[in-house]
Amino acid sequence: MTSEPRIFEIRVRTGETENILRAPTEREVATKAETLIRRVHARGELIGFSILGPSAAGIGRLRTYLEDVLVEITRLSI
């Protein structure tokens, strides 16, 4: 029997690396991911991410938040 993960996990991928960020709450993992995404974007790398977690609603909120972060940093770099 497979159980749902009890933590949130975000995998941030670039052409060169993959980072796995984990935290027990949406807020904590979102903060870690945003910091990493902003740092990677500043280096000019393309970014992709995937999210796992204990609730579909939490995963959806994290996806929306991180997509908004990507839109913001893209607009600021134009």
Protein backbone atom coordinates (compact mmCIF):
# COMPACT_ATOMS: atom_id res chain seq x y z
CA MET A 1 0.00 0.00 0.00
CA THR A 2 1.44 3.34 -1.07
CA SER A 3 0.80 6.34 1.13
CA GLU A 4 0.62 9.98 0.15
CA PRO A 5 3.73 12.05 0.88
CA ARG A 6 3.51 13.92 4.19
CA ILE A 7 5.68 16.78 2.99
CA PHE A 8 5.68 19.04 -0.02
CA GLU A 9 8.44 18.51 -2.55
CA ILE A 10 9.35 20.80 -5.43
CA ARG A 11 11.89 19.75 -8.04
CA VAL A 12 13.43 22.72 -9.82
CA ARG A 13 15.19 21.78 -13.06
CA THR A 14 17.45 23.68 -15.38
CA GLY A 15 19.44 22.48 -18.37
CA GLU A 16 22.30 21.67 -16.04
CA THR A 17 20.89 20.73 -12.63
CA GLU A 18 17.94 19.48 -10.63
CA ASN A 19 17.32 20.62 -7.07
CA ILE A 20 14.87 18.92 -4.74
CA LEU A 21 13.33 21.13 -2.07
CA ARG A 22 11.24 19.67 0.76
CA ALA A 23 9.29 21.16 3.64
CA PRO A 24 6.29 20.24 5.79
CA THR A 25 4.26 23.32 4.81
CA GLU A 26 3.34 25.08 1.59
CA ARG A 27 4.77 28.35 2.85
CA GLU A 28 8.17 26.89 3.69
CA VAL A 29 8.61 25.03 0.42
CA ALA A 30 7.31 28.03 -1.58
CA THR A 31 9.87 30.32 0.05
CA LYS A 32 12.70 27.90 -0.72
CA ALA A 33 11.54 27.46 -4.32
CA GLU A 34 11.08 31.17 -4.97
CA THR A 35 14.57 31.92 -3.67
CA LEU A 36 16.09 29.23 -5.88
CA ILE A 37 14.07 30.23 -8.95
CA ARG A 38 15.10 33.88 -8.63
CA ARG A 39 18.77 32.88 -8.24
CA VAL A 40 18.68 30.53 -11.23
CA HIS A 41 16.84 33.07 -13.38
CA ALA A 42 19.46 35.70 -12.55
CA ARG A 43 22.04 33.35 -14.12
CA GLY A 44 19.97 33.27 -17.31
CA GLU A 45 18.99 29.60 -17.09
CA LEU A 46 15.67 28.15 -18.22
CA ILE A 47 13.61 26.78 -15.35
CA GLY A 48 11.10 23.97 -14.98
CA PHE A 49 9.51 22.60 -11.85
CA SER A 50 7.29 19.81 -10.59
CA ILE A 51 5.44 19.52 -7.29
CA LEU A 52 4.41 16.62 -5.06
CA GLY A 53 2.55 16.87 -1.79
CA PRO A 54 -0.11 15.62 0.58
CA SER A 55 -2.99 17.59 -0.96
CA ALA A 56 -4.09 18.40 -4.49
CA ALA A 57 -5.26 21.84 -3.35
CA GLY A 58 -1.85 22.63 -1.86
CA ILE A 59 -0.09 21.48 -5.02
CA GLY A 60 -2.39 23.70 -7.08
CA ARG A 61 -1.71 26.74 -4.90
CA LEU A 62 2.04 26.15 -5.10
CA ARG A 63 1.91 25.75 -8.90
CA THR A 64 -0.06 28.99 -9.29
CA TYR A 65 2.29 30.86 -6.95
CA LEU A 66 5.47 29.68 -8.68
CA GLU A 67 4.03 30.38 -12.13
CA ASP A 68 3.30 33.92 -10.94
CA VAL A 69 6.90 34.23 -9.70
CA LEU A 70 8.17 33.17 -13.13
CA VAL A 71 5.91 35.69 -14.88
CA GLU A 72 7.09 38.45 -12.54
CA ILE A 73 10.80 37.80 -12.97
CA THR A 74 10.38 37.46 -16.74
CA ARG A 75 8.64 40.85 -16.92
CA LEU A 76 11.30 42.47 -14.76
CA SER A 77 14.07 41.20 -17.03
CA ILE A 78 12.57 42.64 -20.24
